[in-house]
Amino acid sequence: MTAPVARRAGRVLLVDAQRRVLLFRAGDPLLPARGTWWVTPGGGLDDGESFAQGAARELGEETGLVVDPVELGGVVLERESEFRWNGGHYLQTEEFFLLRVDSHVVDQTGLSSLEVACFVEHRWWDLDALAATADVVYPPNLAELLGRLGV
């Protein structure tokens, strides 16, 4: 068995004025039998990017919402996750940022071909529905985290 590839990712907890968080339902395009799970906007960093820069870039690509990385503020969650996806084995260090908006209509015209292949849908989740879902959500305990952050 090979060692996982180290990867860094910036992610955004995008919350609207109705106290809902935006999540994407995604799956592994090479292994659709694994099912799907819900994730926040964000993804792997490009060379030389800070976590905030990568999170802001990914947010723009995945949602059409363009923000300056300084608007993301401080890190609200750091975590490490080991997973297999799209034929690779990764050990990912993630930093999450909280961004509040009045509202936003998601525009996914900036998605890469890989993102198009793995994203199934997007949804604005209220905290009650998020806390009650049996679906897999990353990061785990997202509803509790958002509650602690005053969402």
N, C-alpha and C. Protein backbone atom coordinates (compact mmCIF):
# COMPACT_ATOMS: atom_id res chain seq x y z
N MET A 1 0.84 -1.17 0.00
CA MET A 1 0.00 0.00 0.00
C MET A 1 0.89 1.25 0.00
N THR A 2 0.57 2.23 -0.84
CA THR A 2 1.40 3.43 -0.95
C THR A 2 0.97 4.47 0.09
N ALA A 3 1.91 5.30 0.45
CA ALA A 3 1.63 6.39 1.39
C ALA A 3 0.76 7.44 0.69
N PRO A 4 -0.10 8.11 1.45
CA PRO A 4 -0.95 9.14 0.84
C PRO A 4 -0.13 10.36 0.40
N VAL A 5 -0.63 11.03 -0.60
CA VAL A 5 -0.04 12.27 -1.09
C VAL A 5 -0.52 13.41 -0.19
N ALA A 6 0.41 14.24 0.27
CA ALA A 6 0.04 15.40 1.09
C ALA A 6 -0.64 16.43 0.19
N ARG A 7 -1.73 16.97 0.68
CA ARG A 7 -2.51 17.96 -0.08
C ARG A 7 -3.01 19.01 0.90
N ARG A 8 -3.06 20.26 0.47
CA ARG A 8 -3.60 21.33 1.29
C ARG A 8 -4.83 21.90 0.60
N ALA A 9 -5.85 22.24 1.39
CA ALA A 9 -7.09 22.75 0.80
C ALA A 9 -7.66 23.87 1.66
N GLY A 10 -8.24 24.85 0.98
CA GLY A 10 -8.97 25.93 1.64
C GLY A 10 -10.44 25.77 1.34
N ARG A 11 -11.29 25.93 2.36
CA ARG A 11 -12.72 25.70 2.21
C ARG A 11 -13.49 26.84 2.86
N VAL A 12 -14.72 27.07 2.38
CA VAL A 12 -15.54 28.18 2.86
C VAL A 12 -16.88 27.69 3.38
N LEU A 13 -17.22 28.13 4.58
CA LEU A 13 -18.56 27.94 5.12
C LEU A 13 -19.33 29.18 4.70
N LEU A 14 -20.06 29.08 3.59
CA LEU A 14 -20.79 30.21 3.04
C LEU A 14 -22.20 30.20 3.62
N VAL A 15 -22.52 31.24 4.39
CA VAL A 15 -23.78 31.31 5.12
C VAL A 15 -24.56 32.54 4.66
N ASP A 16 -25.84 32.36 4.35
CA ASP A 16 -26.65 33.48 3.90
C ASP A 16 -27.44 34.10 5.06
N ALA A 17 -28.19 35.15 4.77
CA ALA A 17 -28.94 35.88 5.80
C ALA A 17 -30.04 35.04 6.43
N GLN A 18 -30.43 33.97 5.76
CA GLN A 18 -31.45 33.06 6.32
C GLN A 18 -30.82 31.99 7.20
N ARG A 19 -29.53 32.15 7.49
CA ARG A 19 -28.78 31.22 8.34
C ARG A 19 -28.68 29.83 7.72
N ARG A 20 -28.50 29.80 6.40
CA ARG A 20 -28.32 28.55 5.67
C ARG A 20 -26.89 28.48 5.17
N VAL A 21 -26.37 27.26 5.07
CA VAL A 21 -25.01 27.05 4.57
C VAL A 21 -25.08 26.36 3.22
N LEU A 22 -24.22 26.78 2.29
CA LEU A 22 -24.19 26.18 0.96
C LEU A 22 -23.32 24.94 0.97
N LEU A 23 -23.87 23.84 0.47
CA LEU A 23 -23.12 22.59 0.34
C LEU A 23 -23.32 22.01 -1.06
N PHE A 24 -22.31 21.27 -1.51
CA PHE A 24 -22.37 20.56 -2.78
C PHE A 24 -22.43 19.06 -2.51
N ARG A 25 -23.34 18.37 -3.21
CA ARG A 25 -23.36 16.91 -3.15
C ARG A 25 -22.41 16.42 -4.23
N ALA A 26 -21.45 15.60 -3.82
CA ALA A 26 -20.41 15.16 -4.73
C ALA A 26 -20.20 13.66 -4.60
N GLY A 27 -19.55 13.11 -5.60
CA GLY A 27 -19.19 11.71 -5.58
C GLY A 27 -17.89 11.50 -6.34
N ASP A 28 -17.35 10.32 -6.20
CA ASP A 28 -16.11 9.98 -6.90
C ASP A 28 -16.47 9.58 -8.32
N PRO A 29 -15.99 10.34 -9.33
CA PRO A 29 -16.37 10.02 -10.70
C PRO A 29 -15.87 8.66 -11.19
N LEU A 30 -14.81 8.13 -10.55
CA LEU A 30 -14.30 6.82 -10.95
C LEU A 30 -14.98 5.67 -10.21
N LEU A 31 -15.61 5.98 -9.08
CA LEU A 31 -16.26 4.94 -8.27
C LEU A 31 -17.65 5.40 -7.83
N PRO A 32 -18.58 5.53 -8.76
CA PRO A 32 -19.91 6.03 -8.41
C PRO A 32 -20.65 5.14 -7.40
N ALA A 33 -20.27 3.87 -7.30
CA ALA A 33 -20.91 2.97 -6.34
C ALA A 33 -20.64 3.38 -4.89
N ARG A 34 -19.62 4.20 -4.66
CA ARG A 34 -19.32 4.68 -3.30
C ARG A 34 -20.39 5.63 -2.78
N GLY A 35 -21.27 6.09 -3.66
CA GLY A 35 -22.32 7.01 -3.24
C GLY A 35 -21.86 8.45 -3.26
N THR A 36 -22.59 9.29 -2.54
CA THR A 36 -22.30 10.72 -2.54
C THR A 36 -22.21 11.24 -1.11
N TRP A 37 -21.72 12.45 -1.00
CA TRP A 37 -21.57 13.13 0.28
C TRP A 37 -21.67 14.62 0.03
N TRP A 38 -21.87 15.38 1.07
CA TRP A 38 -22.00 16.84 0.98
C TRP A 38 -20.72 17.51 1.47
N VAL A 39 -20.27 18.52 0.73
CA VAL A 39 -19.05 19.25 1.08
C VAL A 39 -19.26 20.74 0.91
N THR A 40 -18.43 21.50 1.58
CA THR A 40 -18.44 22.95 1.44
C THR A 40 -17.69 23.35 0.17
N PRO A 41 -17.92 24.55 -0.34
CA PRO A 41 -17.10 25.04 -1.45
C PRO A 41 -15.63 25.08 -1.03
N GLY A 42 -14.75 24.78 -1.95
CA GLY A 42 -13.32 24.84 -1.67
C GLY A 42 -12.60 23.70 -2.34
N GLY A 43 -11.28 23.68 -2.15
CA GLY A 43 -10.50 22.62 -2.75
C GLY A 43 -9.01 22.86 -2.61
N GLY A 44 -8.28 22.08 -3.36
CA GLY A 44 -6.83 22.07 -3.27
C GLY A 44 -6.19 23.40 -3.65
N LEU A 45 -5.09 23.71 -2.96
CA LEU A 45 -4.36 24.94 -3.21
C LEU A 45 -3.45 24.80 -4.42
N ASP A 46 -3.32 25.88 -5.18
CA ASP A 46 -2.32 25.95 -6.24
C ASP A 46 -0.98 26.28 -5.60
N ASP A 47 0.10 26.02 -6.31
CA ASP A 47 1.45 26.34 -5.81
C ASP A 47 1.53 27.80 -5.41
N GLY A 48 2.05 28.04 -4.21
CA GLY A 48 2.26 29.40 -3.73
C GLY A 48 1.04 30.06 -3.10
N GLU A 49 -0.11 29.42 -3.14
CA GLU A 49 -1.32 30.02 -2.56
C GLU A 49 -1.36 29.79 -1.06
N SER A 50 -1.89 30.79 -0.34
CA SER A 50 -2.22 30.60 1.06
C SER A 50 -3.56 29.88 1.12
N PHE A 51 -3.92 29.40 2.30
CA PHE A 51 -5.23 28.75 2.45
C PHE A 51 -6.35 29.72 2.07
N ALA A 52 -6.26 30.97 2.52
CA ALA A 52 -7.31 31.95 2.22
C ALA A 52 -7.37 32.24 0.72
N GLN A 53 -6.22 32.37 0.07
CA GLN A 53 -6.22 32.62 -1.37
C GLN A 53 -6.86 31.46 -2.13
N GLY A 54 -6.51 30.24 -1.76
CA GLY A 54 -7.09 29.07 -2.41
C GLY A 54 -8.58 28.96 -2.16
N ALA A 55 -9.00 29.23 -0.93
CA ALA A 55 -10.43 29.16 -0.59
C ALA A 55 -11.21 30.19 -1.40
N ALA A 56 -10.68 31.42 -1.52
CA ALA A 56 -11.36 32.47 -2.28
C ALA A 56 -11.42 32.11 -3.77
N ARG A 57 -10.32 31.59 -4.31
CA ARG A 57 -10.31 31.19 -5.72
C ARG A 57 -11.31 30.09 -5.98
N GLU A 58 -11.29 29.05 -5.14
CA GLU A 58 -12.23 27.94 -5.31
C GLU A 58 -13.68 28.40 -5.16
N LEU A 59 -13.94 29.30 -4.22
CA LEU A 59 -15.29 29.82 -4.04
C LEU A 59 -15.77 30.49 -5.33
N GLY A 60 -14.90 31.28 -5.95
CA GLY A 60 -15.27 31.93 -7.21
C GLY A 60 -15.53 30.92 -8.31
N GLU A 61 -14.67 29.92 -8.43
CA GLU A 61 -14.83 28.92 -9.48
C GLU A 61 -16.09 28.09 -9.28
N GLU A 62 -16.39 27.73 -8.05
CA GLU A 62 -17.49 26.80 -7.78
C GLU A 62 -18.84 27.47 -7.59
N THR A 63 -18.84 28.75 -7.23
CA THR A 63 -20.13 29.42 -6.94
C THR A 63 -20.34 30.69 -7.73
N GLY A 64 -19.29 31.23 -8.34
CA GLY A 64 -19.40 32.51 -9.02
C GLY A 64 -19.27 33.70 -8.09
N LEU A 65 -19.09 33.46 -6.80
CA LEU A 65 -18.95 34.54 -5.83
C LEU A 65 -17.47 34.90 -5.71
N VAL A 66 -17.11 36.09 -6.16
CA VAL A 66 -15.73 36.53 -6.14
C VAL A 66 -15.51 37.42 -4.92
N VAL A 67 -14.55 37.03 -4.08
CA VAL A 67 -14.22 37.79 -2.88
C VAL A 67 -12.71 37.91 -2.77
N ASP A 68 -12.27 38.96 -2.10
CA ASP A 68 -10.86 39.12 -1.78
C ASP A 68 -10.57 38.16 -0.62
N PRO A 69 -9.45 37.49 -0.62
CA PRO A 69 -9.15 36.55 0.47
C PRO A 69 -9.22 37.19 1.86
N VAL A 70 -8.93 38.48 1.98
CA VAL A 70 -9.01 39.11 3.31
C VAL A 70 -10.43 39.16 3.84
N GLU A 71 -11.44 39.11 2.94
CA GLU A 71 -12.84 39.11 3.36
C GLU A 71 -13.21 37.82 4.10
N LEU A 72 -12.39 36.78 3.95
CA LEU A 72 -12.70 35.51 4.59
C LEU A 72 -12.40 35.53 6.08
N GLY A 73 -11.61 36.49 6.53
CA GLY A 73 -11.31 36.59 7.96
C GLY A 73 -10.41 35.45 8.41
N GLY A 74 -10.56 35.11 9.68
CA GLY A 74 -9.71 34.09 10.27
C GLY A 74 -10.21 32.68 10.05
N VAL A 75 -9.35 31.75 10.33
CA VAL A 75 -9.67 30.32 10.20
C VAL A 75 -10.61 29.94 11.34
N VAL A 76 -11.71 29.24 11.01
CA VAL A 76 -12.66 28.80 12.03
C VAL A 76 -12.56 27.30 12.31
N LEU A 77 -11.86 26.58 11.46
CA LEU A 77 -11.66 25.15 11.67
C LEU A 77 -10.44 24.71 10.88
N GLU A 78 -9.58 23.93 11.54
CA GLU A 78 -8.47 23.25 10.87
C GLU A 78 -8.68 21.77 11.10
N ARG A 79 -8.46 20.99 10.05
CA ARG A 79 -8.59 19.54 10.21
C ARG A 79 -7.71 18.84 9.20
N GLU A 80 -7.47 17.57 9.49
CA GLU A 80 -6.72 16.71 8.59
C GLU A 80 -7.61 15.53 8.24
N SER A 81 -7.58 15.14 6.99
CA SER A 81 -8.44 14.07 6.52
C SER A 81 -7.68 13.19 5.54
N GLU A 82 -7.79 11.89 5.74
CA GLU A 82 -7.18 10.94 4.80
C GLU A 82 -8.31 10.29 4.01
N PHE A 83 -8.16 10.28 2.68
CA PHE A 83 -9.23 9.73 1.85
C PHE A 83 -8.68 9.29 0.50
N ARG A 84 -9.48 8.47 -0.16
CA ARG A 84 -9.20 8.04 -1.53
C ARG A 84 -10.26 8.67 -2.42
N TRP A 85 -9.80 9.24 -3.54
CA TRP A 85 -10.73 9.91 -4.44
C TRP A 85 -10.11 10.03 -5.83
N ASN A 86 -10.91 9.75 -6.84
CA ASN A 86 -10.51 9.90 -8.24
C ASN A 86 -9.19 9.18 -8.54
N GLY A 87 -9.01 8.01 -7.95
CA GLY A 87 -7.84 7.19 -8.21
C GLY A 87 -6.63 7.52 -7.36
N GLY A 88 -6.74 8.51 -6.49
CA GLY A 88 -5.61 8.90 -5.64
C GLY A 88 -5.88 8.62 -4.18
N HIS A 89 -4.81 8.69 -3.39
CA HIS A 89 -4.86 8.49 -1.94
C HIS A 89 -4.24 9.74 -1.33
N TYR A 90 -4.99 10.47 -0.50
CA TYR A 90 -4.57 11.79 -0.04
C TYR A 90 -4.61 11.90 1.48
N LEU A 91 -3.70 12.69 2.01
CA LEU A 91 -3.74 13.15 3.39
C LEU A 91 -3.85 14.67 3.27
N GLN A 92 -5.03 15.18 3.55
CA GLN A 92 -5.33 16.58 3.27
C GLN A 92 -5.41 17.40 4.55
N THR A 93 -4.69 18.50 4.58
CA THR A 93 -4.79 19.50 5.63
C THR A 93 -5.72 20.58 5.11
N GLU A 94 -6.77 20.87 5.87
CA GLU A 94 -7.78 21.84 5.44
C GLU A 94 -7.91 22.97 6.45
N GLU A 95 -8.12 24.17 5.92
CA GLU A 95 -8.50 25.31 6.74
C GLU A 95 -9.83 25.83 6.20
N PHE A 96 -10.77 26.06 7.13
CA PHE A 96 -12.10 26.53 6.79
C PHE A 96 -12.26 27.97 7.25
N PHE A 97 -12.98 28.75 6.42
CA PHE A 97 -13.27 30.15 6.70
C PHE A 97 -14.78 30.35 6.66
N LEU A 98 -15.28 31.24 7.49
CA LEU A 98 -16.71 31.57 7.51
C LEU A 98 -16.92 32.86 6.74
N LEU A 99 -17.84 32.83 5.78
CA LEU A 99 -18.20 34.02 5.02
C LEU A 99 -19.71 34.16 5.03
N ARG A 100 -20.16 35.31 5.50
CA ARG A 100 -21.60 35.60 5.53
C ARG A 100 -21.96 36.51 4.35
N VAL A 101 -23.05 36.18 3.68
CA VAL A 101 -23.57 36.99 2.58
C VAL A 101 -25.07 37.17 2.80
N ASP A 102 -25.62 38.23 2.23
CA ASP A 102 -27.08 38.40 2.32
C ASP A 102 -27.76 37.26 1.57
N SER A 103 -27.33 37.07 0.32
CA SER A 103 -27.83 35.99 -0.52
C SER A 103 -26.84 35.81 -1.66
N HIS A 104 -26.99 34.71 -2.35
CA HIS A 104 -26.14 34.47 -3.53
C HIS A 104 -26.80 33.41 -4.40
N VAL A 105 -26.87 33.71 -5.70
CA VAL A 105 -27.34 32.73 -6.67
C VAL A 105 -26.09 32.03 -7.22
N VAL A 106 -26.02 30.74 -7.02
CA VAL A 106 -24.84 29.97 -7.41
C VAL A 106 -24.70 29.93 -8.93
N ASP A 107 -23.50 30.26 -9.40
CA ASP A 107 -23.16 30.21 -10.81
C ASP A 107 -21.98 29.24 -10.95
N GLN A 108 -22.20 28.10 -11.58
CA GLN A 108 -21.17 27.08 -11.68
C GLN A 108 -20.52 27.03 -13.06
N THR A 109 -20.56 28.12 -13.79
CA THR A 109 -19.93 28.13 -15.11
C THR A 109 -18.41 28.06 -15.01
N GLY A 110 -17.84 28.32 -13.83
CA GLY A 110 -16.40 28.26 -13.65
C GLY A 110 -15.87 26.91 -13.22
N LEU A 111 -16.74 25.91 -13.16
CA LEU A 111 -16.31 24.57 -12.73
C LEU A 111 -15.34 23.95 -13.74
N SER A 112 -14.35 23.24 -13.21
CA SER A 112 -13.45 22.46 -14.06
C SER A 112 -14.21 21.22 -14.55
N SER A 113 -13.66 20.54 -15.54
CA SER A 113 -14.32 19.33 -16.05
C SER A 113 -14.39 18.26 -14.96
N LEU A 114 -13.38 18.20 -14.08
CA LEU A 114 -13.42 17.23 -12.98
C LEU A 114 -14.54 17.58 -11.99
N GLU A 115 -14.69 18.86 -11.69
CA GLU A 115 -15.76 19.27 -10.77
C GLU A 115 -17.13 18.99 -11.38
N VAL A 116 -17.28 19.21 -12.67
CA VAL A 116 -18.54 18.90 -13.35
C VAL A 116 -18.84 17.40 -13.20
N ALA A 117 -17.80 16.57 -13.29
CA ALA A 117 -17.98 15.12 -13.18
C ALA A 117 -18.32 14.68 -11.77
N CYS A 118 -17.88 15.42 -10.75
CA CYS A 118 -18.10 14.94 -9.38
C CYS A 118 -19.25 15.65 -8.66
N PHE A 119 -19.59 16.88 -9.03
CA PHE A 119 -20.68 17.60 -8.36
C PHE A 119 -22.02 17.15 -8.93
N VAL A 120 -22.91 16.74 -8.04
CA VAL A 120 -24.23 16.27 -8.45
C VAL A 120 -25.26 17.38 -8.34
N GLU A 121 -25.18 18.15 -7.27
CA GLU A 121 -26.13 19.24 -7.04
C GLU A 121 -25.59 20.15 -5.94
N HIS A 122 -26.24 21.28 -5.74
CA HIS A 122 -25.92 22.14 -4.60
C HIS A 122 -27.22 22.47 -3.88
N ARG A 123 -27.07 22.85 -2.60
CA ARG A 123 -28.25 23.12 -1.79
C ARG A 123 -27.85 24.04 -0.64
N TRP A 124 -28.75 24.96 -0.33
CA TRP A 124 -28.61 25.79 0.87
C TRP A 124 -29.32 25.05 2.00
N TRP A 125 -28.57 24.67 3.05
CA TRP A 125 -29.09 23.87 4.16
C TRP A 125 -29.33 24.76 5.37
N ASP A 126 -30.52 24.64 5.99
CA ASP A 126 -30.69 25.28 7.29
C ASP A 126 -30.13 24.34 8.35
N LEU A 127 -29.81 24.89 9.51
CA LEU A 127 -29.11 24.10 10.53
C LEU A 127 -29.92 22.92 11.04
N ASP A 128 -31.25 23.08 11.14
CA ASP A 128 -32.08 21.97 11.60
C ASP A 128 -32.02 20.79 10.63
N ALA A 129 -32.14 21.07 9.34
CA ALA A 129 -32.07 20.01 8.33
C ALA A 129 -30.68 19.39 8.31
N LEU A 130 -29.67 20.21 8.45
CA LEU A 130 -28.29 19.71 8.45
C LEU A 130 -28.05 18.80 9.65
N ALA A 131 -28.53 19.21 10.82
CA ALA A 131 -28.36 18.40 12.03
C ALA A 131 -29.13 17.09 11.96
N ALA A 132 -30.24 17.07 11.22
CA ALA A 132 -31.10 15.89 11.17
C ALA A 132 -30.77 14.93 10.03
N THR A 133 -29.96 15.34 9.07
CA THR A 133 -29.74 14.49 7.90
C THR A 133 -28.95 13.24 8.25
N ALA A 134 -29.29 12.17 7.54
CA ALA A 134 -28.52 10.93 7.63
C ALA A 134 -27.45 10.89 6.54
N ASP A 135 -27.44 11.89 5.65
CA ASP A 135 -26.44 11.96 4.59
C ASP A 135 -25.06 12.20 5.20
N VAL A 136 -24.03 11.80 4.48
CA VAL A 136 -22.66 12.06 4.90
C VAL A 136 -22.33 13.51 4.57
N VAL A 137 -21.82 14.24 5.57
CA VAL A 137 -21.47 15.65 5.41
C VAL A 137 -20.05 15.85 5.92
N TYR A 138 -19.25 16.58 5.12
CA TYR A 138 -17.90 16.94 5.54
C TYR A 138 -17.78 18.45 5.60
N PRO A 139 -17.24 18.99 6.66
CA PRO A 139 -16.65 18.28 7.79
C PRO A 139 -17.74 17.67 8.67
N PRO A 140 -17.41 16.60 9.37
CA PRO A 140 -18.38 16.01 10.30
C PRO A 140 -18.79 17.04 11.35
N ASN A 141 -20.00 16.91 11.85
CA ASN A 141 -20.52 17.81 12.89
C ASN A 141 -20.57 19.26 12.44
N LEU A 142 -20.85 19.48 11.16
CA LEU A 142 -20.90 20.84 10.62
C LEU A 142 -21.99 21.67 11.29
N ALA A 143 -23.15 21.09 11.55
CA ALA A 143 -24.23 21.86 12.19
C ALA A 143 -23.79 22.35 13.57
N GLU A 144 -23.10 21.51 14.32
CA GLU A 144 -22.61 21.92 15.65
C GLU A 144 -21.59 23.04 15.53
N LEU A 145 -20.68 22.93 14.57
CA LEU A 145 -19.67 23.96 14.35
C LEU A 145 -20.35 25.30 14.02
N LEU A 146 -21.30 25.27 13.11
CA LEU A 146 -21.98 26.49 12.72
C LEU A 146 -22.73 27.10 13.91
N GLY A 147 -23.31 26.25 14.74
CA GLY A 147 -23.98 26.74 15.94
C GLY A 147 -23.00 27.44 16.88
N ARG A 148 -21.81 26.84 17.07
CA ARG A 148 -20.79 27.47 17.92
C ARG A 148 -20.31 28.80 17.34
N LEU A 149 -20.38 28.93 16.02
CA LEU A 149 -19.95 30.16 15.37
C LEU A 149 -21.04 31.22 15.35
N GLY A 150 -22.20 30.89 15.92
CA GLY A 150 -23.27 31.87 16.01
C GLY A 150 -24.12 32.00 14.76
N VAL A 151 -24.11 30.97 13.93
CA VAL A 151 -24.94 30.99 12.71
C VAL A 151 -26.38 30.74 13.08
